[in-house]
Protein backbone atom coordinates (compact mmCIF):
# COMPACT_ATOMS: atom_id res chain seq x y z
CA MET A 1 13.24 10.98 42.54
CA LYS A 2 11.26 13.17 40.16
CA LYS A 3 14.22 13.34 37.76
CA ARG A 4 14.14 9.56 37.41
CA LEU A 5 10.46 9.39 36.41
CA PRO A 6 11.04 10.10 32.69
CA LEU A 7 13.63 7.32 32.55
CA PHE A 8 11.25 4.98 34.35
CA PHE A 9 8.42 5.66 31.91
CA CYS A 10 10.82 5.27 29.00
CA LEU A 11 11.91 1.86 30.24
CA LEU A 12 8.28 0.90 30.91
CA SER A 13 7.33 1.88 27.35
CA ILE A 14 10.16 -0.23 25.96
CA LEU A 15 8.97 -3.18 28.05
CA PHE A 16 5.38 -2.85 26.79
CA LEU A 17 6.65 -2.55 23.22
CA PHE A 18 8.73 -5.72 23.67
CA LEU A 19 5.77 -7.62 25.12
CA ALA A 20 3.54 -6.45 22.29
CA CYS A 21 6.08 -7.46 19.67
CA THR A 22 6.49 -10.94 21.11
CA ASN A 23 2.88 -11.63 20.15
CA PHE A 24 3.92 -11.35 16.53
CA ILE A 25 6.96 -13.62 16.40
CA PRO A 26 6.79 -15.96 13.39
CA LEU A 27 6.25 -19.43 14.84
CA SER A 28 5.91 -21.38 11.60
CA SER A 29 6.01 -20.77 7.89
CA GLU A 30 5.24 -22.97 4.92
CA ILE A 31 4.39 -22.76 1.24
CA ARG A 32 0.81 -23.71 0.48
CA ILE A 33 -1.32 -23.91 -2.65
CA MET A 34 -4.92 -23.01 -3.36
CA PRO A 35 -7.19 -23.05 -6.42
CA ILE A 36 -8.31 -19.68 -7.70
CA GLY A 37 -10.03 -18.23 -10.75
CA THR A 38 -8.84 -15.40 -12.95
CA ASN A 39 -10.18 -12.06 -14.01
CA ILE A 40 -11.59 -11.47 -17.47
CA ILE A 41 -9.35 -10.57 -20.38
CA GLY A 42 -11.26 -9.33 -23.40
CA ILE A 43 -9.68 -9.49 -26.85
CA SER A 44 -11.00 -7.17 -29.54
CA GLY A 45 -9.97 -6.97 -33.18
CA GLU A 46 -10.87 -7.84 -36.72
CA PRO A 47 -12.72 -11.17 -36.93
CA SER A 48 -11.33 -13.90 -39.14
CA ASP A 49 -12.39 -17.37 -40.24
CA MET A 50 -8.80 -18.40 -39.54
CA PRO A 51 -8.01 -17.87 -35.83
CA TYR A 52 -4.83 -15.85 -35.44
CA ILE A 53 -4.65 -15.18 -31.68
CA GLU A 54 -2.89 -17.84 -29.64
CA ILE A 55 -3.46 -17.95 -25.87
CA ILE A 56 -0.99 -20.04 -23.90
CA HIS A 57 -1.77 -20.31 -20.20
CA SER A 58 -1.68 -22.45 -17.07
CA VAL A 59 -4.59 -24.64 -16.10
CA VAL A 60 -5.00 -27.17 -13.28
CA ASP A 61 -3.52 -30.57 -14.01
CA GLU A 62 -6.27 -32.99 -13.04
CA ALA A 63 -3.80 -35.88 -13.20
CA ARG A 64 -1.55 -34.18 -10.63
CA PRO A 65 -3.55 -32.40 -7.92
CA GLY A 66 -1.86 -29.19 -6.83
CA TYR A 67 0.00 -28.70 -10.10
CA ASN A 68 -0.68 -26.72 -13.24
CA LYS A 69 -0.14 -27.75 -16.81
CA THR A 70 0.11 -25.64 -19.94
CA ALA A 71 -2.80 -25.29 -22.35
CA SER A 72 -2.97 -23.52 -25.71
CA ILE A 73 -5.92 -22.34 -27.78
CA MET A 74 -6.25 -20.48 -31.07
CA VAL A 75 -9.07 -17.92 -31.22
CA SER A 76 -10.35 -15.14 -33.39
CA PRO A 77 -11.57 -11.82 -31.93
CA PRO A 78 -13.82 -10.90 -30.31
CA TYR A 79 -13.06 -13.30 -27.47
CA ILE A 80 -13.22 -13.44 -23.66
CA PHE A 81 -10.52 -15.37 -21.83
CA GLN A 82 -11.17 -16.46 -18.27
CA ASN A 83 -9.65 -19.36 -16.36
CA ASP A 84 -12.06 -21.09 -13.99
CA MET A 85 -9.32 -22.51 -11.82
CA VAL A 86 -5.55 -22.48 -11.51
CA TYR A 87 -3.31 -23.40 -8.58
CA MET A 88 -1.39 -20.54 -6.99
CA LYS A 89 1.31 -20.71 -4.31
CA TYR A 90 1.51 -18.57 -1.22
CA ASP A 91 3.59 -18.36 1.92
CA TYR A 92 1.54 -19.06 5.05
CA THR A 93 3.03 -17.77 8.32
CA GLU A 94 1.59 -18.13 11.81
CA LEU A 95 2.46 -15.51 14.42
CA GLY A 96 2.33 -15.45 18.20
CA SER A 97 4.43 -15.86 21.33
CA LYS A 98 3.97 -19.32 22.82
CA ARG A 99 1.12 -20.29 20.51
CA PRO A 100 -0.17 -19.00 17.16
CA THR A 101 -2.61 -16.12 17.49
CA SER A 102 -2.68 -14.73 13.94
CA TYR A 103 -1.47 -15.43 10.43
CA PHE A 104 -0.72 -13.80 7.15
CA LYS A 105 -0.50 -15.10 3.60
CA THR A 106 1.86 -13.73 0.99
CA LEU A 107 1.29 -14.40 -2.70
CA LEU A 108 4.23 -16.01 -4.46
CA ARG A 109 3.93 -14.63 -7.97
CA ASP A 110 5.03 -16.99 -10.74
CA PHE A 111 4.99 -16.00 -14.40
CA GLU A 112 6.98 -18.98 -15.68
CA GLU A 113 5.47 -22.05 -17.33
CA GLY A 114 3.48 -23.97 -14.73
CA GLY A 115 3.04 -20.86 -12.60
CA ALA A 116 -0.40 -19.49 -11.72
CA GLU A 117 0.18 -16.29 -13.74
CA TYR A 118 1.82 -17.85 -16.78
CA LEU A 119 0.14 -16.24 -19.77
CA ARG A 120 1.06 -15.46 -23.36
CA ILE A 121 -1.31 -13.80 -25.83
CA ILE A 122 0.32 -13.98 -29.27
CA ASN A 123 -0.90 -12.08 -32.31
CA HIS A 124 0.10 -14.26 -35.26
CA SER A 125 -1.48 -11.96 -37.83
CA PRO A 126 0.93 -10.22 -40.21
CA ASP A 127 -1.29 -7.16 -40.50
CA LYS A 128 -4.06 -7.15 -37.85
CA GLN A 129 -3.81 -5.20 -34.62
CA VAL A 130 -5.73 -6.38 -31.52
CA GLU A 131 -6.73 -4.73 -28.25
CA ILE A 132 -6.97 -6.37 -24.84
CA PHE A 133 -8.69 -5.18 -21.68
CA VAL A 134 -8.78 -6.57 -18.13
CA SER A 135 -11.97 -6.62 -16.09
CA GLY A 136 -12.68 -8.02 -12.66
CA VAL A 137 -15.16 -10.65 -11.52
CA PRO A 138 -17.62 -10.01 -8.69
CA VAL A 139 -17.93 -11.83 -5.40
CA ILE A 140 -21.51 -12.01 -4.17
CA SER A 141 -20.76 -11.26 -0.55
CA HIS A 142 -21.56 -8.72 2.13
CA ASN A 143 -17.99 -8.90 3.43
CA ASP A 144 -15.89 -6.16 1.87
CA ARG A 145 -12.75 -8.19 2.53
CA ASP A 146 -13.83 -10.15 -0.54
CA THR A 147 -13.22 -7.08 -2.67
CA LEU A 148 -11.56 -8.16 -5.89
CA ILE A 149 -9.45 -6.22 -8.34
CA PRO A 150 -9.60 -4.75 -10.84
CA ALA A 151 -13.06 -3.48 -9.90
CA ILE A 152 -13.73 -1.34 -12.95
CA ARG A 153 -17.03 0.48 -13.40
CA TYR A 154 -18.54 2.72 -16.04
CA ARG A 155 -21.25 5.10 -14.80
CA ASN A 156 -21.46 2.99 -11.64
CA ALA A 157 -22.09 -0.20 -13.61
CA PRO A 158 -19.44 -2.93 -13.19
CA VAL A 159 -17.98 -3.83 -16.58
CA TYR A 160 -18.61 -7.48 -15.75
CA PHE A 161 -22.37 -6.89 -15.73
CA LEU A 162 -22.25 -4.94 -18.98
CA LEU A 163 -20.89 -8.11 -20.55
CA TYR A 164 -23.20 -10.42 -18.58
CA PRO A 165 -26.32 -8.51 -17.45
CA GLU A 166 -28.23 -11.78 -17.07
CA ARG A 167 -25.96 -12.73 -14.16
CA LYS A 168 -27.22 -9.98 -11.86
CA PRO A 169 -27.84 -11.08 -8.24
CA ALA A 170 -31.23 -12.48 -7.34
CA ASN A 171 -31.92 -9.81 -4.70
CA ASN A 172 -30.98 -7.00 -7.16
CA VAL A 173 -28.38 -5.58 -4.74
CA LEU A 174 -24.68 -6.26 -4.77
CA LEU A 175 -21.90 -4.98 -2.53
CA PHE A 176 -19.32 -4.56 -5.27
CA ASN A 177 -15.95 -3.46 -3.97
CA GLY A 178 -17.15 -1.12 -1.27
CA LEU A 179 -20.13 0.27 -3.17
CA LEU A 180 -23.73 -0.91 -3.24
CA ILE A 181 -24.81 -1.52 -6.83
CA TYR A 182 -28.55 -1.58 -7.44
CA PHE A 183 -30.21 -3.53 -10.24
CA GLU A 184 -33.74 -2.52 -11.17
CA GLY A 185 -35.27 -3.90 -14.33
CA ASP A 186 -32.84 -2.98 -17.11
CA ARG A 187 -30.97 -0.56 -14.89
CA ILE A 188 -27.48 -1.39 -13.59
CA GLY A 189 -25.97 1.40 -11.54
CA ASN A 190 -26.66 4.52 -13.62
CA LEU A 191 -27.07 2.74 -16.94
CA ILE A 192 -30.01 1.19 -18.76
CA VAL A 193 -28.76 -2.11 -20.16
CA THR A 194 -31.31 -3.83 -22.39
CA GLU A 195 -28.81 -6.30 -23.83
CA ALA A 196 -25.25 -7.36 -23.24
CA TRP A 197 -22.55 -5.01 -24.47
CA SER A 198 -20.25 -6.45 -27.08
CA ILE A 199 -16.56 -7.03 -26.43
CA ASN A 200 -15.77 -4.36 -29.03
CA GLU A 201 -18.01 -1.84 -27.25
CA ILE A 202 -16.24 -2.50 -23.94
CA ALA A 203 -12.86 -2.21 -25.67
CA ALA A 204 -13.96 1.19 -26.98
CA LEU A 205 -14.57 2.35 -23.39
CA TYR A 206 -11.08 1.29 -22.35
CA ARG A 207 -9.56 2.90 -25.44
CA ALA A 208 -11.27 6.20 -24.64
CA GLU A 209 -10.20 6.03 -20.99
CA HIS A 210 -6.65 5.28 -22.07
CA SER A 211 -6.62 8.52 -24.06
CA TYR A 212 -7.96 10.52 -21.07
CA SER A 213 -11.29 11.13 -22.71
CA PRO A 214 -13.46 13.44 -20.57
CA GLU A 215 -16.59 11.71 -21.92
CA VAL A 216 -15.62 8.21 -20.78
CA GLN A 217 -14.27 7.76 -17.29
CA LEU A 218 -13.71 4.25 -16.05
CA ILE A 219 -13.57 4.11 -12.26
CA ILE A 220 -11.51 1.58 -10.33
CA TYR A 221 -11.96 0.79 -6.67
CA THR A 222 -9.07 1.23 -4.26
CA SER A 223 -9.74 2.48 -0.73
CA SER A 224 -11.94 5.02 -2.54
CA GLN A 225 -12.72 5.70 -6.20
CA HIS A 226 -10.27 6.79 -8.87
CA ARG A 227 -10.07 6.88 -12.63
CA MET A 228 -8.47 3.84 -14.15
CA MET A 229 -5.79 6.13 -15.61
CA ASP A 230 -4.92 7.26 -12.08
CA MET A 231 -3.98 3.66 -11.32
CA ILE A 232 -1.81 3.45 -14.43
CA ASP A 233 -0.02 6.70 -13.59
CA GLY A 234 0.20 5.77 -9.92
CA ASN A 235 -0.74 9.25 -8.73
CA ILE A 236 -3.25 8.48 -6.01
CA ASP A 237 -3.13 10.76 -2.97
CA GLY A 238 0.60 11.12 -3.48
CA ARG A 239 1.15 7.35 -3.30
CA ASN A 240 2.59 5.10 -5.97
CA ILE A 241 -0.23 2.58 -6.14
CA GLY A 242 -0.63 0.40 -9.20
CA ARG A 243 2.05 2.25 -11.18
CA GLY A 244 2.38 0.62 -14.57
CA ALA A 245 -0.81 -1.43 -14.13
CA VAL A 246 -2.06 -2.89 -17.41
CA PHE A 247 -5.83 -2.78 -17.90
CA TYR A 248 -5.71 -2.00 -21.62
CA ASP A 249 -3.08 -2.68 -24.25
CA ILE A 250 -2.56 -3.09 -27.98
CA ILE A 251 -0.83 -6.14 -29.43
CA GLU A 252 0.73 -5.29 -32.77
CA PRO A 253 0.96 -7.82 -35.64
CA GLY A 254 3.55 -10.48 -34.84
CA GLU A 255 3.86 -9.33 -31.20
CA GLU A 256 2.73 -10.87 -27.91
CA LEU A 257 1.69 -9.90 -24.40
CA ARG A 258 3.19 -11.90 -21.55
CA GLY A 259 1.92 -12.18 -18.00
CA ASN A 260 3.85 -9.86 -15.70
CA GLU A 261 3.65 -8.10 -12.34
CA ASN A 262 1.52 -5.28 -13.80
CA ILE A 263 -1.28 -7.51 -15.13
CA TRP A 264 -3.80 -8.44 -12.44
CA LEU A 265 -4.68 -11.88 -13.71
CA LEU A 266 -5.66 -13.70 -10.51
CA ALA A 267 -8.99 -12.77 -8.93
CA LEU A 268 -7.51 -11.80 -5.57
CA PRO A 269 -8.65 -9.35 -2.89
CA TRP A 270 -7.51 -5.74 -2.98
CA LEU A 271 -3.99 -5.09 -1.62
CA PHE A 272 -2.95 -8.61 -2.59
CA ILE A 273 0.26 -7.41 -4.22
CA GLU A 274 2.38 -8.53 -1.28
CA ARG A 275 0.21 -9.56 1.65
CA PHE A 276 -3.22 -10.56 0.46
CA GLU A 277 -4.77 -11.85 3.66
CA ILE A 278 -4.22 -11.44 7.39
CA GLY A 279 -6.41 -12.60 10.25
CA SER A 280 -6.73 -14.11 13.73
CA LEU A 281 -6.61 -17.79 14.56
């Protein structure tokens, strides 16, 4: 009898595993849409009375709810691009055994015209070079599941608040991507900010970080804190996270930057790349 005990426990384990797995059988799946904003894209370069940067992007089509249309603007640096709302698609799946008990949502990335991440930044100048940088937007929340990416900070000050210090929270405390940021007078994080930083000054930070400057270290939030360049190289704790991510780039004369899987345009929670939300019903 004793010799049969290991087999019994093995079979019992398999039974428990089967019962546990049946709680996660997909019961229904459908494609849904939701409105969402975008992160900030800063454009730095030589100003001109004749705009030479064309931005082609998706925007909600108010005449057709749930659909995007294409918009185009001509701008001259310095300029901040941010889309207040665009419709994105995601796969919504409910899981359970006899009834739904949980769900997950999977982002359906779309870089083609009409897609949520359709973006073209075209440098029409024959001789001017421009720089672009990507910065996140904050969510005023005490729920860290609302963490957005890219959460880039300089000396503990979110880049967003260097550009817009007047938008600091009323209670002077913000849970920003896993870290409490304190605002006191002109102080944001570890910086004294008496006036908004210019787009060119922010671009200079990104340029220095991109060259591995020891003086300027931009920090991005993941499950902990890492240099922005660590995300680009993908060498985080031996894992390939964010490899090829674009937070800073140069657009040469006559060239363009297109939206792609490495540009984090949509203001989504961290780890959104495949499954960006999971929860209980």
